[in-house]
């Protein structure tokens, strides 16, 4: 399957995972699969320009990967820090599906703000 002009670039930022309370690798793998399934998304390095969404994956609540300079590289961001998504407690087993829901919300918002 050849991807035709993905509309939105998505990047991942990992913390150092020095004190992980969650399996960030499992969540990242899930996210890779979601990106593969959606033709409008393209996974890019964090150094890329014009990133639409950055997902910041931190293994604990300290959220050391959540830096202003990282967040400013994109239009939108999602932060997983331990068992939380954007500051809201979510059990680890539910983080992938909650991330999907939030990602869909952001995509809908980006689509509605896009000029034809």
C-alpha atoms as a PDB file:
ATOM      1  CA  UNK A   1       0.000   0.000   0.000  1.00  0.00           C
ATOM      2  CA  UNK A   2       1.454   3.353  -1.076  1.00  0.00           C
ATOM      3  CA  UNK A   3       0.663   6.360   1.077  1.00  0.00           C
ATOM      4  CA  UNK A   4      -0.681   9.324  -0.811  1.00  0.00           C
ATOM      5  CA  UNK A   5       0.346  12.681   0.647  1.00  0.00           C
ATOM      6  CA  UNK A   6      -0.158  12.323   4.395  1.00  0.00           C
ATOM      7  CA  UNK A   7      -1.720  15.490   5.751  1.00  0.00           C
ATOM      8  CA  UNK A   8      -0.438  15.419   9.287  1.00  0.00           C
ATOM      9  CA  UNK A   9       3.036  14.756  10.663  1.00  0.00           C
ATOM     10  CA  UNK A  10       3.275  13.081  14.039  1.00  0.00           C
ATOM     11  CA  UNK A  11       6.441  12.730  16.132  1.00  0.00           C
ATOM     12  CA  UNK A  12       7.300  10.897  19.347  1.00  0.00           C
ATOM     13  CA  UNK A  13       9.415  12.204  22.196  1.00  0.00           C
ATOM     14  CA  UNK A  14      10.570   9.773  24.860  1.00  0.00           C
ATOM     15  CA  UNK A  15      11.800  10.588  28.329  1.00  0.00           C
ATOM     16  CA  UNK A  16      14.874   8.781  29.619  1.00  0.00           C
ATOM     17  CA  UNK A  17      12.667   6.029  31.142  1.00  0.00           C
ATOM     18  CA  UNK A  18      14.892   5.986  34.220  1.00  0.00           C
ATOM     19  CA  UNK A  19      11.979   5.305  36.575  1.00  0.00           C
ATOM     20  CA  UNK A  20       9.137   3.883  34.458  1.00  0.00           C
ATOM     21  CA  UNK A  21       5.785   3.080  36.012  1.00  0.00           C
ATOM     22  CA  UNK A  22       4.362   2.112  32.621  1.00  0.00           C
ATOM     23  CA  UNK A  23       5.598   0.283  29.540  1.00  0.00           C
ATOM     24  CA  UNK A  24       6.169   3.170  27.116  1.00  0.00           C
ATOM     25  CA  UNK A  25       7.407   0.738  24.450  1.00  0.00           C
ATOM     26  CA  UNK A  26       4.036  -1.012  24.378  1.00  0.00           C
ATOM     27  CA  UNK A  27       2.246   2.320  23.995  1.00  0.00           C
ATOM     28  CA  UNK A  28       4.668   3.429  21.255  1.00  0.00           C
ATOM     29  CA  UNK A  29       4.140   0.139  19.371  1.00  0.00           C
ATOM     30  CA  UNK A  30       0.403   0.674  19.576  1.00  0.00           C
ATOM     31  CA  UNK A  31       0.806   4.210  18.271  1.00  0.00           C
ATOM     32  CA  UNK A  32       2.998   3.001  15.370  1.00  0.00           C
ATOM     33  CA  UNK A  33       0.215   0.620  14.353  1.00  0.00           C
ATOM     34  CA  UNK A  34      -2.384   3.393  14.515  1.00  0.00           C
ATOM     35  CA  UNK A  35      -0.206   5.633  12.341  1.00  0.00           C
ATOM     36  CA  UNK A  36       0.282   2.808   9.822  1.00  0.00           C
ATOM     37  CA  UNK A  37      -3.488   2.380   9.522  1.00  0.00           C
ATOM     38  CA  UNK A  38      -4.236   6.064   8.939  1.00  0.00           C
ATOM     39  CA  UNK A  39      -3.165   7.332   5.528  1.00  0.00           C
ATOM     40  CA  UNK A  40      -3.399  10.924   6.693  1.00  0.00           C
ATOM     41  CA  UNK A  41      -0.664  10.459   9.319  1.00  0.00           C
ATOM     42  CA  UNK A  42       3.073  10.210   8.813  1.00  0.00           C
ATOM     43  CA  UNK A  43       5.561   9.407  11.562  1.00  0.00           C
ATOM     44  CA  UNK A  44       8.481  11.842  11.432  1.00  0.00           C
ATOM     45  CA  UNK A  45      11.541  12.571  13.573  1.00  0.00           C
ATOM     46  CA  UNK A  46      11.179  15.256  16.205  1.00  0.00           C
ATOM     47  CA  UNK A  47      13.673  17.369  14.220  1.00  0.00           C
ATOM     48  CA  UNK A  48      11.244  17.619  11.277  1.00  0.00           C
ATOM     49  CA  UNK A  49       9.568  20.955  10.482  1.00  0.00           C
ATOM     50  CA  UNK A  50       5.795  21.556  10.447  1.00  0.00           C
ATOM     51  CA  UNK A  51       4.856  18.777  12.878  1.00  0.00           C
ATOM     52  CA  UNK A  52       1.120  18.598  13.549  1.00  0.00           C
ATOM     53  CA  UNK A  53       1.168  16.459  16.716  1.00  0.00           C
ATOM     54  CA  UNK A  54       3.880  15.404  19.151  1.00  0.00           C
ATOM     55  CA  UNK A  55       3.219  12.534  21.528  1.00  0.00           C
ATOM     56  CA  UNK A  56       5.423  12.854  24.598  1.00  0.00           C
ATOM     57  CA  UNK A  57       5.873   9.470  26.279  1.00  0.00           C
ATOM     58  CA  UNK A  58       7.136   9.614  29.862  1.00  0.00           C
ATOM     59  CA  UNK A  59       7.361   6.550  32.064  1.00  0.00           C
ATOM     60  CA  UNK A  60       6.482   8.349  35.300  1.00  0.00           C
ATOM     61  CA  UNK A  61       4.589  11.367  36.601  1.00  0.00           C
ATOM     62  CA  UNK A  62       7.752  13.460  36.736  1.00  0.00           C
ATOM     63  CA  UNK A  63       7.349  13.914  32.948  1.00  0.00           C
ATOM     64  CA  UNK A  64      10.936  14.956  32.296  1.00  0.00           C
ATOM     65  CA  UNK A  65      10.354  14.785  28.516  1.00  0.00           C
ATOM     66  CA  UNK A  66       7.628  17.417  28.738  1.00  0.00           C
ATOM     67  CA  UNK A  67       9.657  20.502  27.862  1.00  0.00           C
ATOM     68  CA  UNK A  68       8.407  23.757  26.396  1.00  0.00           C
ATOM     69  CA  UNK A  69      10.851  23.577  23.492  1.00  0.00           C
ATOM     70  CA  UNK A  70       9.481  20.117  22.616  1.00  0.00           C
ATOM     71  CA  UNK A  71       5.842  21.206  22.828  1.00  0.00           C
ATOM     72  CA  UNK A  72       6.584  24.273  20.685  1.00  0.00           C
ATOM     73  CA  UNK A  73       7.724  22.085  17.775  1.00  0.00           C
ATOM     74  CA  UNK A  74       4.131  21.183  16.928  1.00  0.00           C
ATOM     75  CA  UNK A  75       0.632  22.571  16.641  1.00  0.00           C
ATOM     76  CA  UNK A  76      -0.696  20.093  19.222  1.00  0.00           C
ATOM     77  CA  UNK A  77       0.759  17.644  21.697  1.00  0.00           C
ATOM     78  CA  UNK A  78      -0.333  14.727  23.847  1.00  0.00           C
ATOM     79  CA  UNK A  79       1.467  13.926  27.095  1.00  0.00           C
ATOM     80  CA  UNK A  80       1.517  10.516  28.694  1.00  0.00           C
ATOM     81  CA  UNK A  81       3.242  10.669  32.081  1.00  0.00           C
ATOM     82  CA  UNK A  82       3.002   7.481  34.095  1.00  0.00           C
ATOM     83  CA  UNK A  83      -0.616   6.479  34.386  1.00  0.00           C
ATOM     84  CA  UNK A  84      -1.937   9.766  33.050  1.00  0.00           C
ATOM     85  CA  UNK A  85      -2.860  11.363  29.768  1.00  0.00           C
ATOM     86  CA  UNK A  86      -2.789  15.160  29.710  1.00  0.00           C
ATOM     87  CA  UNK A  87      -2.889  15.221  33.522  1.00  0.00           C
ATOM     88  CA  UNK A  88      -5.891  12.900  33.851  1.00  0.00           C
ATOM     89  CA  UNK A  89      -5.373   9.566  35.650  1.00  0.00           C
ATOM     90  CA  UNK A  90      -5.812   6.601  33.320  1.00  0.00           C
ATOM     91  CA  UNK A  91      -4.895   3.034  34.224  1.00  0.00           C
ATOM     92  CA  UNK A  92      -1.985   1.714  32.167  1.00  0.00           C
ATOM     93  CA  UNK A  93      -4.088  -0.928  30.412  1.00  0.00           C
ATOM     94  CA  UNK A  94      -6.424   1.833  29.136  1.00  0.00           C
ATOM     95  CA  UNK A  95      -3.743   4.281  27.997  1.00  0.00           C
ATOM     96  CA  UNK A  96      -3.534   3.048  24.362  1.00  0.00           C
ATOM     97  CA  UNK A  97      -7.291   3.323  23.754  1.00  0.00           C
ATOM     98  CA  UNK A  98      -7.449   6.685  25.551  1.00  0.00           C
ATOM     99  CA  UNK A  99      -4.553   7.914  23.423  1.00  0.00           C
ATOM    100  CA  UNK A 100      -6.480   6.812  20.311  1.00  0.00           C
ATOM    101  CA  UNK A 101      -9.542   8.782  21.414  1.00  0.00           C
ATOM    102  CA  UNK A 102      -7.522  11.934  22.091  1.00  0.00           C
ATOM    103  CA  UNK A 103      -5.657  11.551  18.803  1.00  0.00           C
ATOM    104  CA  UNK A 104      -8.958  11.318  16.914  1.00  0.00           C
ATOM    105  CA  UNK A 105     -10.204  14.460  18.692  1.00  0.00           C
ATOM    106  CA  UNK A 106      -7.067  16.360  17.690  1.00  0.00           C
ATOM    107  CA  UNK A 107      -7.292  15.133  14.091  1.00  0.00           C
ATOM    108  CA  UNK A 108     -10.902  16.284  13.878  1.00  0.00           C
ATOM    109  CA  UNK A 109      -9.881  19.676  15.254  1.00  0.00           C
ATOM    110  CA  UNK A 110      -7.001  19.971  12.793  1.00  0.00           C
ATOM    111  CA  UNK A 111      -9.266  18.962   9.891  1.00  0.00           C
ATOM    112  CA  UNK A 112     -11.856  21.571  10.822  1.00  0.00           C
ATOM    113  CA  UNK A 113      -9.183  24.291  11.041  1.00  0.00           C
ATOM    114  CA  UNK A 114      -7.570  23.391   7.724  1.00  0.00           C
ATOM    115  CA  UNK A 115      -8.327  25.660   4.820  1.00  0.00           C
ATOM    116  CA  UNK A 116      -9.339  23.901   1.582  1.00  0.00           C
END
